[in-house]
Structure formats: structure tokens, C-alpha cells
Amino acid sequence: MQSSGLYVLLERDASGQGRLLINDRNWVTTAQTPAAGEVVDCGVEVTLSAKKIGE
């Protein structure tokens, strides 16, 4: 996303436990807003919901 010019990126624990995504290599994105493939301005806030791999 950053290589496409999107820098306002937020991460959220999709499990609802409120954990921080410190090491994102052991997390997988489950959803995002705006939706994948949607064309947006570079200043738009993108929220990525993720869960730990194996959950």
C-alpha cells in the first residue's frame, strides 16, 4: 500500500481482544476499509483488520 502512495494505515485486532500488531509477520489481514481494489485519494485512512496466523 505504501508503494502505491497510501500512508494513513491503521491496524486493528479482528479478534476483538485489542492486541497490538507489533510483529505483523505473524498476522494475516482478514478485512480492510475501504475495500480492496477501491480507488481512493492518497490521504484516505485505510483500516486493516487482522488476526494471528492459526487463529
C-alpha atoms as a PDB file:
ATOM      1  CA  MET A   1       0.000   0.000   0.000  1.00  0.00           C
ATOM      2  CA  GLN A   2       2.798   2.380   0.834  1.00  0.00           C
ATOM      3  CA  SER A   3       4.380   1.765  -2.557  1.00  0.00           C
ATOM      4  CA  SER A   4       1.045   2.905  -4.025  1.00  0.00           C
ATOM      5  CA  GLY A   5       1.139   6.146  -2.023  1.00  0.00           C
ATOM      6  CA  LEU A   6      -1.123   5.158   0.876  1.00  0.00           C
ATOM      7  CA  TYR A   7       0.426   6.084   4.222  1.00  0.00           C
ATOM      8  CA  VAL A   8      -2.536   6.648   6.571  1.00  0.00           C
ATOM      9  CA  LEU A   9      -2.769   2.984   7.589  1.00  0.00           C
ATOM     10  CA  LEU A  10      -4.394   1.766  10.794  1.00  0.00           C
ATOM     11  CA  GLU A  11      -4.259  -1.792  12.118  1.00  0.00           C
ATOM     12  CA  ARG A  12      -6.962  -3.435  14.213  1.00  0.00           C
ATOM     13  CA  ASP A  13      -7.112  -6.779  16.004  1.00  0.00           C
ATOM     14  CA  ALA A  14     -10.012  -8.567  14.271  1.00  0.00           C
ATOM     15  CA  SER A  15     -10.456 -10.902  17.272  1.00  0.00           C
ATOM     16  CA  GLY A  16     -11.799  -8.034  19.389  1.00  0.00           C
ATOM     17  CA  GLN A  17      -9.093  -8.587  22.026  1.00  0.00           C
ATOM     18  CA  GLY A  18      -7.482  -5.214  21.334  1.00  0.00           C
ATOM     19  CA  ARG A  19      -3.981  -6.632  20.843  1.00  0.00           C
ATOM     20  CA  LEU A  20      -1.311  -4.549  19.115  1.00  0.00           C
ATOM     21  CA  LEU A  21       0.097  -5.826  15.837  1.00  0.00           C
ATOM     22  CA  ILE A  22       3.755  -5.443  16.834  1.00  0.00           C
ATOM     23  CA  ASN A  23       5.272  -8.136  14.593  1.00  0.00           C
ATOM     24  CA  ASP A  24       2.994  -8.117  11.558  1.00  0.00           C
ATOM     25  CA  ARG A  25       4.670 -11.180  10.023  1.00  0.00           C
ATOM     26  CA  ASN A  26       2.597 -13.495  12.219  1.00  0.00           C
ATOM     27  CA  TRP A  27      -0.720 -11.768  11.396  1.00  0.00           C
ATOM     28  CA  VAL A  28      -2.974 -12.120   8.369  1.00  0.00           C
ATOM     29  CA  THR A  29      -5.314  -9.412   7.086  1.00  0.00           C
ATOM     30  CA  THR A  30      -8.963 -10.502   7.232  1.00  0.00           C
ATOM     31  CA  ALA A  31     -10.668  -7.285   6.073  1.00  0.00           C
ATOM     32  CA  GLN A  32      -9.947  -3.722   5.114  1.00  0.00           C
ATOM     33  CA  THR A  33     -11.825  -0.441   4.778  1.00  0.00           C
ATOM     34  CA  PRO A  34     -12.076   0.924   2.116  1.00  0.00           C
ATOM     35  CA  ALA A  35     -12.439  -2.378   0.292  1.00  0.00           C
ATOM     36  CA  ALA A  36      -9.532  -3.904  -1.634  1.00  0.00           C
ATOM     37  CA  GLY A  37      -9.375  -2.630  -5.200  1.00  0.00           C
ATOM     38  CA  GLU A  38     -11.304   0.549  -4.436  1.00  0.00           C
ATOM     39  CA  VAL A  39      -9.618   3.652  -5.872  1.00  0.00           C
ATOM     40  CA  VAL A  40      -9.048   6.270  -3.160  1.00  0.00           C
ATOM     41  CA  ASP A  41      -7.155   9.510  -2.651  1.00  0.00           C
ATOM     42  CA  CYS A  42      -3.713   9.130  -1.059  1.00  0.00           C
ATOM     43  CA  GLY A  43      -4.908  10.927   2.109  1.00  0.00           C
ATOM     44  CA  VAL A  44      -7.671   8.428   2.844  1.00  0.00           C
ATOM     45  CA  GLU A  45      -7.383   6.466   6.102  1.00  0.00           C
ATOM     46  CA  VAL A  46      -7.155   2.713   5.444  1.00  0.00           C
ATOM     47  CA  THR A  47      -8.024   0.344   8.299  1.00  0.00           C
ATOM     48  CA  LEU A  48      -6.669  -3.210   8.155  1.00  0.00           C
ATOM     49  CA  SER A  49      -8.293  -5.837  10.377  1.00  0.00           C
ATOM     50  CA  ALA A  50      -6.058  -8.817  11.129  1.00  0.00           C
ATOM     51  CA  LYS A  51      -5.807 -11.939  13.232  1.00  0.00           C
ATOM     52  CA  LYS A  52      -2.812 -14.010  14.262  1.00  0.00           C
ATOM     53  CA  ILE A  53      -1.951 -16.836  11.892  1.00  0.00           C
ATOM     54  CA  GLY A  54      -3.553 -20.056  13.131  1.00  0.00           C
ATOM     55  CA  GLU A  55      -6.437 -18.405  14.972  1.00  0.00           C
END
